[in-house]
Amino acid sequence: MIKVESITKSFDERIAVDHISFEANDQEILVLLGTSGCGKTTTLKMINRLIEADSGDIWIDGENIRDKPLEQLRMHIGFVMQHAGLFPHYTIRQNIAVVPELLKWNKKDIQKRTEELLHKLHLPEELLSRFPQELSGGQQQRVGIARALIADTPILLMDEPFGALDNITKADIHSEFKSLEELKNKTIILVTHDVQEAFELGHRICLMDKGKIVQIGTPKEMLYRPENDFVRNFFAENRLLLEYKVATLENIRPFLSEGQKPETGWNMTENLSVWDALQKLSADHQNNDRYETLTMAFNQYRKMEIG
């Protein structure tokens, strides 16, 4: 869906993005991950031409973005930024309706789509008449997502969308984000410096440093097949937690006996992460044996992966 070919960007002779290339597949969440100043936000903004690349090409669905009128390009790309980026003097209803108004939708269609998104994002309709400063940080961020989703564009760009939220609010929104049907048919590029967020939300991760791509791969590949010491060290601090989160019940099946497998009364799906499964089991003290069984199977799986 998105193909980036050797793009470069400099600011005052400082190279921010240095001849990088990557692809984001249809219906994939690709995370641009890295520390502050690594070039990830600049890269994201070059995709909808908020920043113009100095050289290189970006293709969306086979078409070079330079060949499209700027306004038309942006109409087909949703954009969510940190702090939601809502217009402070617009009501929530007006903020959500910005793109449909530009697209000349009729008022009934805008109202119907707005109410549909509020329901999906767990926002009460009474918020529509309020202004952004009257909402909590989590509510503002949900409104920002609703505004980006309302026109149902095939592409969504997200720049540190949850960075300003506290950890509890962030965990709630992550859970909603992953389960939202609206997002499952979109190609999403998400910028973050939060390693756990990258692992929870991304199908693949593009790790950047000093304007270059160090490695692109699945979360599991990042942990178990790092291409160099930079990648290995980048994930070292959270490594064990991340391993619990990327391993699924399906992964550890070979290390469970027939009577121990999740389908034998555990009421859990195979794509559930080991971390989430352990969280569920720890809430019920009668499941201590299963907790131990799962932990032992995970340790065997982990040894196999590390080699």
C-alpha atoms as a PDB file:
ATOM      1  CA  MET A   1       0.000   0.000   0.000  1.00  0.00           C
ATOM      2  CA  ILE A   2       2.844   2.421   0.885  1.00  0.00           C
ATOM      3  CA  LYS A   3       6.295   2.172  -0.677  1.00  0.00           C
ATOM      4  CA  VAL A   4       9.119   4.479   0.383  1.00  0.00           C
ATOM      5  CA  GLU A   5      12.178   4.537  -1.883  1.00  0.00           C
ATOM      6  CA  SER A   6      15.424   6.133  -0.765  1.00  0.00           C
ATOM      7  CA  ILE A   7      13.925   9.276   0.785  1.00  0.00           C
ATOM      8  CA  THR A   8      16.189  11.896   2.336  1.00  0.00           C
ATOM      9  CA  LYS A   9      15.507  15.053   4.321  1.00  0.00           C
ATOM     10  CA  SER A  10      17.896  17.639   5.771  1.00  0.00           C
ATOM     11  CA  PHE A  11      17.289  20.679   7.973  1.00  0.00           C
ATOM     12  CA  ASP A  12      20.005  23.353   8.011  1.00  0.00           C
ATOM     13  CA  GLU A  13      22.559  20.865   6.657  1.00  0.00           C
ATOM     14  CA  ARG A  14      21.665  18.337   9.378  1.00  0.00           C
ATOM     15  CA  ILE A  15      20.487  15.044   7.857  1.00  0.00           C
ATOM     16  CA  ALA A  16      17.243  14.041   9.579  1.00  0.00           C
ATOM     17  CA  VAL A  17      16.368  11.112   7.271  1.00  0.00           C
ATOM     18  CA  ASP A  18      19.135   9.448   5.322  1.00  0.00           C
ATOM     19  CA  HIS A  19      18.177   7.477   2.159  1.00  0.00           C
ATOM     20  CA  ILE A  20      15.691   5.123   3.801  1.00  0.00           C
ATOM     21  CA  SER A  21      13.424   2.613   2.057  1.00  0.00           C
ATOM     22  CA  PHE A  22      10.595   0.432   3.382  1.00  0.00           C
ATOM     23  CA  GLU A  23       7.105  -0.819   2.553  1.00  0.00           C
ATOM     24  CA  ALA A  24       3.895  -0.877   4.584  1.00  0.00           C
ATOM     25  CA  ASN A  25       1.600  -3.666   3.435  1.00  0.00           C
ATOM     26  CA  ASP A  26      -2.152  -3.491   2.956  1.00  0.00           C
ATOM     27  CA  GLN A  27      -4.023  -3.765   6.295  1.00  0.00           C
ATOM     28  CA  GLU A  28      -0.774  -3.741   8.275  1.00  0.00           C
ATOM     29  CA  ILE A  29       0.229  -1.701  11.318  1.00  0.00           C
ATOM     30  CA  LEU A  30       3.853  -0.702  10.781  1.00  0.00           C
ATOM     31  CA  VAL A  31       5.486   1.023  13.750  1.00  0.00           C
ATOM     32  CA  LEU A  32       8.323   3.525  13.308  1.00  0.00           C
ATOM     33  CA  LEU A  33      10.223   3.169  16.565  1.00  0.00           C
ATOM     34  CA  GLY A  34      13.242   4.985  17.930  1.00  0.00           C
ATOM     35  CA  THR A  35      14.535   7.595  20.334  1.00  0.00           C
ATOM     36  CA  SER A  36      13.842  11.314  19.951  1.00  0.00           C
ATOM     37  CA  GLY A  37      15.574  12.791  16.904  1.00  0.00           C
ATOM     38  CA  CYS A  38      15.980   9.516  14.997  1.00  0.00           C
ATOM     39  CA  GLY A  39      13.861  10.755  12.046  1.00  0.00           C
ATOM     40  CA  LYS A  40      10.655   8.793  12.570  1.00  0.00           C
ATOM     41  CA  THR A  41       8.243  11.769  12.730  1.00  0.00           C
ATOM     42  CA  THR A  42       9.934  13.453   9.762  1.00  0.00           C
ATOM     43  CA  THR A  43       9.511  10.211   7.818  1.00  0.00           C
ATOM     44  CA  LEU A  44       5.827  10.012   8.726  1.00  0.00           C
ATOM     45  CA  LYS A  45       5.145  13.603   7.707  1.00  0.00           C
ATOM     46  CA  MET A  46       6.796  13.097   4.320  1.00  0.00           C
ATOM     47  CA  ILE A  47       4.135  10.472   3.503  1.00  0.00           C
ATOM     48  CA  ASN A  48       1.328  13.076   3.479  1.00  0.00           C
ATOM     49  CA  ARG A  49       3.710  15.854   2.408  1.00  0.00           C
ATOM     50  CA  LEU A  50       3.459  17.897   5.592  1.00  0.00           C
ATOM     51  CA  ILE A  51       7.210  17.852   5.007  1.00  0.00           C
ATOM     52  CA  GLU A  52       8.571  17.596   1.463  1.00  0.00           C
ATOM     53  CA  ALA A  53      11.347  15.066   0.880  1.00  0.00           C
ATOM     54  CA  ASP A  54      14.607  16.418  -0.566  1.00  0.00           C
ATOM     55  CA  SER A  55      15.013  13.303  -2.701  1.00  0.00           C
ATOM     56  CA  GLY A  56      13.540   9.855  -3.198  1.00  0.00           C
ATOM     57  CA  ASP A  57       9.982   8.745  -3.939  1.00  0.00           C
ATOM     58  CA  ILE A  58       6.921   7.664  -1.991  1.00  0.00           C
ATOM     59  CA  TRP A  59       4.219   5.573  -3.653  1.00  0.00           C
ATOM     60  CA  ILE A  60       0.701   4.996  -2.335  1.00  0.00           C
ATOM     61  CA  ASP A  61      -1.246   2.188  -3.984  1.00  0.00           C
ATOM     62  CA  GLY A  62       1.108   2.360  -6.973  1.00  0.00           C
ATOM     63  CA  GLU A  63       0.879   6.134  -7.469  1.00  0.00           C
ATOM     64  CA  ASN A  64       3.689   8.600  -6.751  1.00  0.00           C
ATOM     65  CA  ILE A  65       2.453  11.109  -4.159  1.00  0.00           C
ATOM     66  CA  ARG A  66       4.131  13.962  -6.079  1.00  0.00           C
ATOM     67  CA  ASP A  67       1.714  13.309  -8.965  1.00  0.00           C
ATOM     68  CA  LYS A  68      -1.356  13.993  -6.803  1.00  0.00           C
ATOM     69  CA  PRO A  69      -2.710  17.431  -5.864  1.00  0.00           C
ATOM     70  CA  LEU A  70      -1.787  18.038  -2.220  1.00  0.00           C
ATOM     71  CA  GLU A  71      -5.350  18.505  -0.983  1.00  0.00           C
ATOM     72  CA  GLN A  72      -6.531  15.337  -2.735  1.00  0.00           C
ATOM     73  CA  LEU A  73      -3.632  13.357  -1.266  1.00  0.00           C
ATOM     74  CA  ARG A  74      -4.429  14.416   2.291  1.00  0.00           C
ATOM     75  CA  MET A  75      -8.167  13.821   1.910  1.00  0.00           C
ATOM     76  CA  HIS A  76      -7.377  10.110   1.503  1.00  0.00           C
ATOM     77  CA  ILE A  77      -5.023   9.854   4.483  1.00  0.00           C
ATOM     78  CA  GLY A  78      -6.184  10.006   8.096  1.00  0.00           C
ATOM     79  CA  PHE A  79      -3.792  11.750  10.488  1.00  0.00           C
ATOM     80  CA  VAL A  80      -3.658  11.536  14.300  1.00  0.00           C
ATOM     81  CA  MET A  81      -1.100  13.508  16.301  1.00  0.00           C
ATOM     82  CA  GLN A  82       0.044  13.717  19.909  1.00  0.00           C
ATOM     83  CA  HIS A  83      -2.301  15.754  22.178  1.00  0.00           C
ATOM     84  CA  ALA A  84      -5.056  14.970  19.605  1.00  0.00           C
ATOM     85  CA  GLY A  85      -4.433  18.266  17.741  1.00  0.00           C
ATOM     86  CA  LEU A  86      -8.042  19.383  18.134  1.00  0.00           C
ATOM     87  CA  PHE A  87      -9.088  22.916  17.210  1.00  0.00           C
ATOM     88  CA  PRO A  88      -9.708  24.609  20.609  1.00  0.00           C
ATOM     89  CA  HIS A  89     -12.448  26.978  19.379  1.00  0.00           C
ATOM     90  CA  TYR A  90     -14.426  24.218  17.626  1.00  0.00           C
ATOM     91  CA  THR A  91     -16.899  22.010  19.459  1.00  0.00           C
ATOM     92  CA  ILE A  92     -16.241  18.271  19.438  1.00  0.00           C
ATOM     93  CA  ARG A  93     -18.931  17.880  16.771  1.00  0.00           C
ATOM     94  CA  GLN A  94     -17.204  20.494  14.582  1.00  0.00           C
ATOM     95  CA  ASN A  95     -13.773  18.939  15.152  1.00  0.00           C
ATOM     96  CA  ILE A  96     -14.928  15.495  14.044  1.00  0.00           C
ATOM     97  CA  ALA A  97     -16.746  16.912  11.005  1.00  0.00           C
ATOM     98  CA  VAL A  98     -13.789  18.862   9.538  1.00  0.00           C
ATOM     99  CA  VAL A  99     -12.977  16.453   6.679  1.00  0.00           C
ATOM    100  CA  PRO A 100     -16.583  15.535   5.756  1.00  0.00           C
ATOM    101  CA  GLU A 101     -17.387  19.256   5.564  1.00  0.00           C
ATOM    102  CA  LEU A 102     -14.508  19.732   3.132  1.00  0.00           C
ATOM    103  CA  LEU A 103     -15.744  16.729   1.159  1.00  0.00           C
ATOM    104  CA  LYS A 104     -19.226  18.322   1.040  1.00  0.00           C
ATOM    105  CA  TRP A 105     -21.045  15.466   2.804  1.00  0.00           C
ATOM    106  CA  ASN A 106     -24.662  16.162   3.686  1.00  0.00           C
ATOM    107  CA  LYS A 107     -25.396  16.875   7.353  1.00  0.00           C
ATOM    108  CA  LYS A 108     -27.381  13.677   7.973  1.00  0.00           C
ATOM    109  CA  ASP A 109     -24.488  11.488   6.775  1.00  0.00           C
ATOM    110  CA  ILE A 110     -22.023  13.415   8.953  1.00  0.00           C
ATOM    111  CA  GLN A 111     -24.287  13.053  11.991  1.00  0.00           C
ATOM    112  CA  LYS A 112     -24.847   9.325  11.420  1.00  0.00           C
ATOM    113  CA  ARG A 113     -21.131   8.594  10.957  1.00  0.00           C
ATOM    114  CA  THR A 114     -20.194  10.743  13.963  1.00  0.00           C
ATOM    115  CA  GLU A 115     -22.626   8.909  16.254  1.00  0.00           C
ATOM    116  CA  GLU A 116     -21.410   5.548  14.935  1.00  0.00           C
ATOM    117  CA  LEU A 117     -17.783   6.407  15.780  1.00  0.00           C
ATOM    118  CA  LEU A 118     -18.656   7.795  19.216  1.00  0.00           C
ATOM    119  CA  HIS A 119     -20.315   4.475  20.043  1.00  0.00           C
ATOM    120  CA  LYS A 120     -17.325   2.470  18.803  1.00  0.00           C
ATOM    121  CA  LEU A 121     -14.860   4.637  20.732  1.00  0.00           C
ATOM    122  CA  HIS A 122     -16.947   4.578  23.941  1.00  0.00           C
ATOM    123  CA  LEU A 123     -17.652   8.323  23.966  1.00  0.00           C
ATOM    124  CA  PRO A 124     -21.023   9.713  25.148  1.00  0.00           C
ATOM    125  CA  GLU A 125     -22.966  11.853  22.671  1.00  0.00           C
ATOM    126  CA  GLU A 126     -23.231  14.639  25.240  1.00  0.00           C
ATOM    127  CA  LEU A 127     -19.588  15.489  24.530  1.00  0.00           C
ATOM    128  CA  LEU A 128     -20.435  16.731  21.035  1.00  0.00           C
ATOM    129  CA  SER A 129     -21.445  20.199  22.264  1.00  0.00           C
ATOM    130  CA  ARG A 130     -18.352  20.617  24.440  1.00  0.00           C
ATOM    131  CA  PHE A 131     -14.959  22.091  23.613  1.00  0.00           C
ATOM    132  CA  PRO A 132     -11.648  20.138  23.715  1.00  0.00           C
ATOM    133  CA  GLN A 133     -10.408  21.751  26.957  1.00  0.00           C
ATOM    134  CA  GLU A 134     -13.500  20.389  28.729  1.00  0.00           C
ATOM    135  CA  LEU A 135     -12.483  16.770  27.994  1.00  0.00           C
ATOM    136  CA  SER A 136      -9.974  14.479  29.672  1.00  0.00           C
ATOM    137  CA  GLY A 137      -6.762  13.556  27.833  1.00  0.00           C
ATOM    138  CA  GLY A 138      -8.134  10.115  26.990  1.00  0.00           C
ATOM    139  CA  GLN A 139     -11.377  11.561  25.644  1.00  0.00           C
ATOM    140  CA  GLN A 140      -9.499  14.110  23.529  1.00  0.00           C
ATOM    141  CA  GLN A 141      -7.371  11.345  22.041  1.00  0.00           C
ATOM    142  CA  ARG A 142     -10.453   9.279  21.185  1.00  0.00           C
ATOM    143  CA  VAL A 143     -11.973  12.329  19.487  1.00  0.00           C
ATOM    144  CA  GLY A 144      -8.742  12.765  17.507  1.00  0.00           C
ATOM    145  CA  ILE A 145      -9.022   9.149  16.353  1.00  0.00           C
ATOM    146  CA  ALA A 146     -12.704   9.658  15.440  1.00  0.00           C
ATOM    147  CA  ARG A 147     -11.779  12.701  13.345  1.00  0.00           C
ATOM    148  CA  ALA A 148      -9.124  10.680  11.507  1.00  0.00           C
ATOM    149  CA  LEU A 149     -11.498   7.755  10.927  1.00  0.00           C
ATOM    150  CA  ILE A 150     -14.680   9.543   9.908  1.00  0.00           C
ATOM    151  CA  ALA A 151     -13.935   9.685   6.164  1.00  0.00           C
ATOM    152  CA  ASP A 152     -12.904   5.982   6.254  1.00  0.00           C
ATOM    153  CA  THR A 153      -9.603   6.529   4.436  1.00  0.00           C
ATOM    154  CA  PRO A 154      -7.529   3.444   3.552  1.00  0.00           C
ATOM    155  CA  ILE A 155      -4.419   4.895   5.244  1.00  0.00           C
ATOM    156  CA  LEU A 156      -3.933   6.195   8.764  1.00  0.00           C
ATOM    157  CA  LEU A 157      -0.784   8.003   9.958  1.00  0.00           C
ATOM    158  CA  MET A 158      -0.346   8.337  13.722  1.00  0.00           C
ATOM    159  CA  ASP A 159       2.347  10.488  15.342  1.00  0.00           C
ATOM    160  CA  GLU A 160       2.878   9.560  19.022  1.00  0.00           C
ATOM    161  CA  PRO A 161      -0.928   9.368  19.365  1.00  0.00           C
ATOM    162  CA  PHE A 162      -0.902   8.086  22.949  1.00  0.00           C
ATOM    163  CA  GLY A 163       2.296   9.727  24.189  1.00  0.00           C
ATOM    164  CA  ALA A 164       0.599  12.320  26.414  1.00  0.00           C
ATOM    165  CA  LEU A 165      -1.610   9.808  28.265  1.00  0.00           C
ATOM    166  CA  ASP A 166      -1.029   8.202  31.660  1.00  0.00           C
ATOM    167  CA  ASN A 167      -0.295   4.479  31.664  1.00  0.00           C
ATOM    168  CA  ILE A 168      -3.782   3.376  32.785  1.00  0.00           C
ATOM    169  CA  THR A 169      -5.567   5.463  30.137  1.00  0.00           C
ATOM    170  CA  LYS A 170      -3.013   4.334  27.559  1.00  0.00           C
ATOM    171  CA  ALA A 171      -3.635   0.657  28.367  1.00  0.00           C
ATOM    172  CA  ASP A 172      -7.403   1.150  27.946  1.00  0.00           C
ATOM    173  CA  ILE A 173      -7.012   2.893  24.587  1.00  0.00           C
ATOM    174  CA  HIS A 174      -4.520   0.274  23.369  1.00  0.00           C
ATOM    175  CA  SER A 175      -7.078  -2.420  24.133  1.00  0.00           C
ATOM    176  CA  GLU A 176      -9.830  -0.514  22.267  1.00  0.00           C
ATOM    177  CA  PHE A 177      -7.470   0.261  19.399  1.00  0.00           C
ATOM    178  CA  LYS A 178      -6.637  -3.412  18.848  1.00  0.00           C
ATOM    179  CA  SER A 179     -10.273  -4.494  18.887  1.00  0.00           C
ATOM    180  CA  LEU A 180     -11.693  -1.694  16.705  1.00  0.00           C
ATOM    181  CA  GLU A 181     -13.040  -3.183  13.465  1.00  0.00           C
ATOM    182  CA  GLU A 182     -12.630   0.229  11.777  1.00  0.00           C
ATOM    183  CA  LEU A 183      -8.862  -0.201  11.912  1.00  0.00           C
ATOM    184  CA  LYS A 184      -8.580  -3.766  10.648  1.00  0.00           C
ATOM    185  CA  ASN A 185      -8.978  -2.849   6.971  1.00  0.00           C
ATOM    186  CA  LYS A 186      -6.498   0.053   7.035  1.00  0.00           C
ATOM    187  CA  THR A 187      -2.791   0.427   6.468  1.00  0.00           C
ATOM    188  CA  ILE A 188      -1.464   2.207   9.540  1.00  0.00           C
ATOM    189  CA  ILE A 189       1.941   3.746  10.173  1.00  0.00           C
ATOM    190  CA  LEU A 190       2.378   4.616  13.829  1.00  0.00           C
ATOM    191  CA  VAL A 191       5.282   6.600  15.301  1.00  0.00           C
ATOM    192  CA  THR A 192       6.275   5.949  18.904  1.00  0.00           C
ATOM    193  CA  HIS A 193       9.269   5.919  21.232  1.00  0.00           C
ATOM    194  CA  ASP A 194       7.407   3.525  23.576  1.00  0.00           C
ATOM    195  CA  VAL A 195       8.771   0.008  23.125  1.00  0.00           C
ATOM    196  CA  GLN A 196       5.840  -1.729  24.807  1.00  0.00           C
ATOM    197  CA  GLU A 197       3.365   0.217  22.665  1.00  0.00           C
ATOM    198  CA  ALA A 198       5.249  -0.834  19.528  1.00  0.00           C
ATOM    199  CA  PHE A 199       5.089  -4.490  20.553  1.00  0.00           C
ATOM    200  CA  GLU A 200       1.428  -4.376  21.569  1.00  0.00           C
ATOM    201  CA  LEU A 201       0.129  -2.641  18.439  1.00  0.00           C
ATOM    202  CA  GLY A 202       2.559  -3.333  15.591  1.00  0.00           C
ATOM    203  CA  HIS A 203       2.493  -6.201  13.101  1.00  0.00           C
ATOM    204  CA  ARG A 204       6.026  -5.146  12.141  1.00  0.00           C
ATOM    205  CA  ILE A 205       8.498  -2.682  13.643  1.00  0.00           C
ATOM    206  CA  CYS A 206      10.872  -0.387  11.770  1.00  0.00           C
ATOM    207  CA  LEU A 207      13.636   0.542  14.240  1.00  0.00           C
ATOM    208  CA  MET A 208      15.423   3.799  13.378  1.00  0.00           C
ATOM    209  CA  ASP A 209      18.575   5.514  14.625  1.00  0.00           C
ATOM    210  CA  LYS A 210      20.241   8.726  13.404  1.00  0.00           C
ATOM    211  CA  GLY A 211      18.046   8.978  10.316  1.00  0.00           C
ATOM    212  CA  LYS A 212      18.611   5.401   9.176  1.00  0.00           C
ATOM    213  CA  ILE A 213      16.680   2.140   9.454  1.00  0.00           C
ATOM    214  CA  VAL A 214      18.532  -0.353  11.627  1.00  0.00           C
ATOM    215  CA  GLN A 215      16.130  -3.291  11.256  1.00  0.00           C
ATOM    216  CA  ILE A 216      12.591  -4.034  10.105  1.00  0.00           C
ATOM    217  CA  GLY A 217      10.817  -7.135  11.351  1.00  0.00           C
ATOM    218  CA  THR A 218       8.063  -8.618  13.482  1.00  0.00           C
ATOM    219  CA  PRO A 219       8.272  -8.066  17.236  1.00  0.00           C
ATOM    220  CA  LYS A 220       9.431 -11.667  17.584  1.00  0.00           C
ATOM    221  CA  GLU A 221      12.194 -11.180  14.998  1.00  0.00           C
ATOM    222  CA  MET A 222      13.386  -8.070  16.819  1.00  0.00           C
ATOM    223  CA  LEU A 223      13.803 -10.037  20.046  1.00  0.00           C
ATOM    224  CA  TYR A 224      15.100 -13.356  18.785  1.00  0.00           C
ATOM    225  CA  ARG A 225      16.809 -12.398  15.499  1.00  0.00           C
ATOM    226  CA  PRO A 226      18.422  -8.970  16.144  1.00  0.00           C
ATOM    227  CA  GLU A 227      20.688  -7.885  13.300  1.00  0.00           C
ATOM    228  CA  ASN A 228      23.270  -6.167  15.532  1.00  0.00           C
ATOM    229  CA  ASP A 229      24.097  -5.014  19.057  1.00  0.00           C
ATOM    230  CA  PHE A 230      22.119  -1.789  18.684  1.00  0.00           C
ATOM    231  CA  VAL A 231      18.885  -3.749  18.189  1.00  0.00           C
ATOM    232  CA  ARG A 232      19.765  -6.190  20.978  1.00  0.00           C
ATOM    233  CA  ASN A 233      20.556  -3.390  23.427  1.00  0.00           C
ATOM    234  CA  PHE A 234      17.547  -1.285  22.448  1.00  0.00           C
ATOM    235  CA  PHE A 235      15.163  -3.967  23.740  1.00  0.00           C
ATOM    236  CA  ALA A 236      17.329  -5.265  26.607  1.00  0.00           C
ATOM    237  CA  GLU A 237      15.676  -3.319  29.430  1.00  0.00           C
ATOM    238  CA  ASN A 238      12.175  -4.714  28.798  1.00  0.00           C
ATOM    239  CA  ARG A 239      13.197  -7.942  27.152  1.00  0.00           C
ATOM    240  CA  LEU A 240      11.561 -10.555  29.403  1.00  0.00           C
ATOM    241  CA  LEU A 241       8.239  -8.680  29.544  1.00  0.00           C
ATOM    242  CA  LEU A 242       8.301  -8.263  25.761  1.00  0.00           C
ATOM    243  CA  GLU A 243       8.959 -11.966  25.298  1.00  0.00           C
ATOM    244  CA  TYR A 244       5.908 -12.805  27.415  1.00  0.00           C
ATOM    245  CA  LYS A 245       3.851 -10.416  25.269  1.00  0.00           C
ATOM    246  CA  VAL A 246       4.957 -11.705  21.843  1.00  0.00           C
ATOM    247  CA  ALA A 247       4.576 -15.404  22.708  1.00  0.00           C
ATOM    248  CA  THR A 248       1.060 -16.765  22.198  1.00  0.00           C
ATOM    249  CA  LEU A 249      -0.666 -19.830  23.603  1.00  0.00           C
ATOM    250  CA  GLU A 250      -0.346 -21.348  20.143  1.00  0.00           C
ATOM    251  CA  ASN A 251       3.457 -20.895  20.303  1.00  0.00           C
ATOM    252  CA  ILE A 252       3.774 -22.831  23.548  1.00  0.00           C
ATOM    253  CA  ARG A 253       1.346 -25.641  22.642  1.00  0.00           C
ATOM    254  CA  PRO A 254       4.168 -28.114  21.821  1.00  0.00           C
ATOM    255  CA  PHE A 255       5.426 -27.768  25.405  1.00  0.00           C
ATOM    256  CA  LEU A 256       2.077 -28.671  27.006  1.00  0.00           C
ATOM    257  CA  SER A 257       0.746 -32.178  27.498  1.00  0.00           C
ATOM    258  CA  GLU A 258      -2.693 -33.067  26.065  1.00  0.00           C
ATOM    259  CA  GLY A 259      -4.458 -32.505  29.385  1.00  0.00           C
ATOM    260  CA  GLN A 260      -2.814 -29.104  29.848  1.00  0.00           C
ATOM    261  CA  LYS A 261      -3.760 -27.494  26.545  1.00  0.00           C
ATOM    262  CA  PRO A 262      -5.905 -24.315  26.576  1.00  0.00           C
ATOM    263  CA  GLU A 263      -8.853 -25.911  24.797  1.00  0.00           C
ATOM    264  CA  THR A 264      -9.343 -28.269  27.767  1.00  0.00           C
ATOM    265  CA  GLY A 265     -11.454 -25.868  29.819  1.00  0.00           C
ATOM    266  CA  TRP A 266      -9.198 -22.798  29.937  1.00  0.00           C
ATOM    267  CA  ASN A 267     -11.654 -20.593  28.003  1.00  0.00           C
ATOM    268  CA  MET A 268      -8.830 -18.837  26.135  1.00  0.00           C
ATOM    269  CA  THR A 269      -8.072 -18.444  22.426  1.00  0.00           C
ATOM    270  CA  GLU A 270      -4.778 -19.615  20.963  1.00  0.00           C
ATOM    271  CA  ASN A 271      -3.833 -16.134  19.710  1.00  0.00           C
ATOM    272  CA  LEU A 272      -3.911 -14.772  23.274  1.00  0.00           C
ATOM    273  CA  SER A 273      -0.466 -13.713  24.457  1.00  0.00           C
ATOM    274  CA  VAL A 274       1.150 -15.652  27.292  1.00  0.00           C
ATOM    275  CA  TRP A 275       1.263 -12.379  29.248  1.00  0.00           C
ATOM    276  CA  ASP A 276      -2.503 -11.839  28.937  1.00  0.00           C
ATOM    277  CA  ALA A 277      -3.199 -15.476  29.750  1.00  0.00           C
ATOM    278  CA  LEU A 278      -1.106 -15.253  32.931  1.00  0.00           C
ATOM    279  CA  GLN A 279      -2.910 -12.033  33.901  1.00  0.00           C
ATOM    280  CA  LYS A 280      -6.247 -13.837  33.583  1.00  0.00           C
ATOM    281  CA  LEU A 281      -5.051 -16.838  35.570  1.00  0.00           C
ATOM    282  CA  SER A 282      -3.536 -14.723  38.354  1.00  0.00           C
ATOM    283  CA  ALA A 283      -6.957 -13.166  39.025  1.00  0.00           C
ATOM    284  CA  ASP A 284      -8.279 -16.592  40.049  1.00  0.00           C
ATOM    285  CA  HIS A 285      -6.367 -18.323  42.867  1.00  0.00           C
ATOM    286  CA  GLN A 286      -7.843 -21.675  41.828  1.00  0.00           C
ATOM    287  CA  ASN A 287      -5.714 -21.497  38.689  1.00  0.00           C
ATOM    288  CA  ASN A 288      -2.317 -21.682  40.430  1.00  0.00           C
ATOM    289  CA  ASP A 289      -1.499 -25.032  38.802  1.00  0.00           C
ATOM    290  CA  ARG A 290      -2.304 -23.715  35.324  1.00  0.00           C
ATOM    291  CA  TYR A 291      -0.232 -20.590  36.023  1.00  0.00           C
ATOM    292  CA  GLU A 292       2.781 -22.765  36.883  1.00  0.00           C
ATOM    293  CA  THR A 293       2.175 -25.008  33.857  1.00  0.00           C
ATOM    294  CA  LEU A 294       2.010 -22.034  31.508  1.00  0.00           C
ATOM    295  CA  THR A 295       5.139 -20.442  32.952  1.00  0.00           C
ATOM    296  CA  MET A 296       7.146 -23.674  32.592  1.00  0.00           C
ATOM    297  CA  ALA A 297       5.971 -24.154  28.989  1.00  0.00           C
ATOM    298  CA  PHE A 298       6.882 -20.550  28.175  1.00  0.00           C
ATOM    299  CA  ASN A 299      10.392 -21.028  29.615  1.00  0.00           C
ATOM    300  CA  GLN A 300      10.912 -24.088  27.412  1.00  0.00           C
ATOM    301  CA  TYR A 301       9.667 -22.180  24.356  1.00  0.00           C
ATOM    302  CA  ARG A 302      11.942 -19.251  25.223  1.00  0.00           C
ATOM    303  CA  LYS A 303      15.026 -21.491  25.458  1.00  0.00           C
ATOM    304  CA  MET A 304      14.221 -22.943  22.050  1.00  0.00           C
ATOM    305  CA  GLU A 305      13.879 -19.478  20.482  1.00  0.00           C
ATOM    306  CA  ILE A 306      17.066 -18.117  22.035  1.00  0.00           C
ATOM    307  CA  GLY A 307      18.868 -21.243  20.930  1.00  0.00           C
END
